[in-house]
Structures are given as structure tokens and as C-alpha cells.
Amino acid sequence: MFDFSLVTGIDSSAVFSFTQIKRYAEGRGIRLVFVNVAPATEKAWRAGAFVLTDVIMMADLDRALEWCENEVIRQHHRRSGERGDLINWFAQAFGDRALADELLARCRRIEVEPGAVIVRAGDAASSMYFIGEGRIGVMVSTAEGHEVRIRSLGGHTMVGEMGLLAAQPRSATLRAELASVLYELDAANLDELRAGNPALVERLLSYVVAVMAERLAFANRTIGLLRR
């Protein structure tokens, strides 16, 4: 992927270099994605037949990243035993299959279509979700009222946990980017687990902390790159 947002023009030697890159990529089954290309540059490339075959042109970086993510998912998606996969994930996260079985038994399975809103920013948070299959976008609104995706989460991770655990309104809107399967753990079942199986809740909270630490580290790296 090449982001041209800071590029104001391109000369013949640069066009030649990109042509060489394209040939190299085609020989290895790689597709090139160009983002924020100025109209004059795109026109010149189209005139030279550079972007007529196997080159993707996108208007903004977020949509380009989403396209790439969906292509990777499409090529590598496996329709295996969904429930078995989830149990294995929980068992690995908690270090105990019996705890994994009990947690899954407390969750409600939900299927959502692409584009479906799961929760909206500002809503009361009464549940968290484990993503069994698909992809969920985390969306926030800017001061101008535009919706921006700040994170995209795939299978075998969780979303919405902070609102539930902190008893705070939703800070973001969750929208399905692909057909997805979610497992919802609501506040009532979490309270029952606290009373009946505190060991499971302790493992769950430890896992939540580990995931949050990983996401914070990722956010810090992203901020550092944007400041360069």
C-alpha cells in the first residue's frame, strides 16, 4: 500500500520505478493499493495503462485498510467448528477447559449482518461481546459529526468490555464490517459468575487486563508514528 497524501506531483523516473514495483508484485501474486493519489497523477497513470490491471485506487486510507483486511480474511477464512474454536480460545486464555465451558454456557450467540449496529455510543453498557467469526468496527464521531473507524477487530477477541466492567455508557459505536457471530455476556450472567465461580471471573478479568495492555501499546505505537 502506498499513501500519496503528501505527494504533489510525480515525474517520469518515479513512474518508471512504480512500473518496476508493479511487475515485481505481479510476479509474486501481490496487488498494489494506492491511496490519496492526486487527480493529475491518476490521470497520467491511467493514460499509460499503469492502473488498468491489478492495481487498486482508494480515496482514503481507512477504506484502503478495510479493503486489505477483508481480502486477507476472505482468502484465509476457515469454516471450522465455530463453537469448538471458541472453547479452545477460552481454554488457552484461561488455562482451564472447564472454565472455558462454563463461560461459553453463560453467553448468548448472536448473528449479525454486514453494516449492522451492535451498540451505539452513549448507550447504557449492559454486556460485552466475544467475536467468534467476522469483523467488528469501532466507530467514534468527530466534532464535525463524521463517523471515523478507530479500530477493527477480528475473530477470537472481545469488544465492549470496558463499558460493562466500569458500568459506564458506551464510548463508541460497534458496527459489523462482515457477517459476524458474537457471543454476548450480559451483566446478569457476569454477576452470577461472580457469586458462583469467582475463579472464572478472576481469570476473565486477568485476560481483559492483558488485552487492554496490548491495545494500549498498539495505540501508543500508532500515535508515535503519526507524530513523526
Foldseek 3Di string as FASTA:
>chain_A
DEECQVPDDDDPVVVVVVLVVVVVQVVVVHAEEYECDDPVVVVVCVVVVNCVPRYHYYHHDVVVVVVVVVVVCVVPPDDDDLVVVQLVLLCVLLVHSVLSVVVLVQWDKDKDAAFDWPDAFQAFQFKKKAWSAAKKFWWDADPVGDIDTPDMDGHSDIPSVVRNVVRHGHHTIIGTRHTTMIIIRGNVSLVVCVVVPVSSVVSVVVSVVVVVVVVVVVVVVVVVVVVD
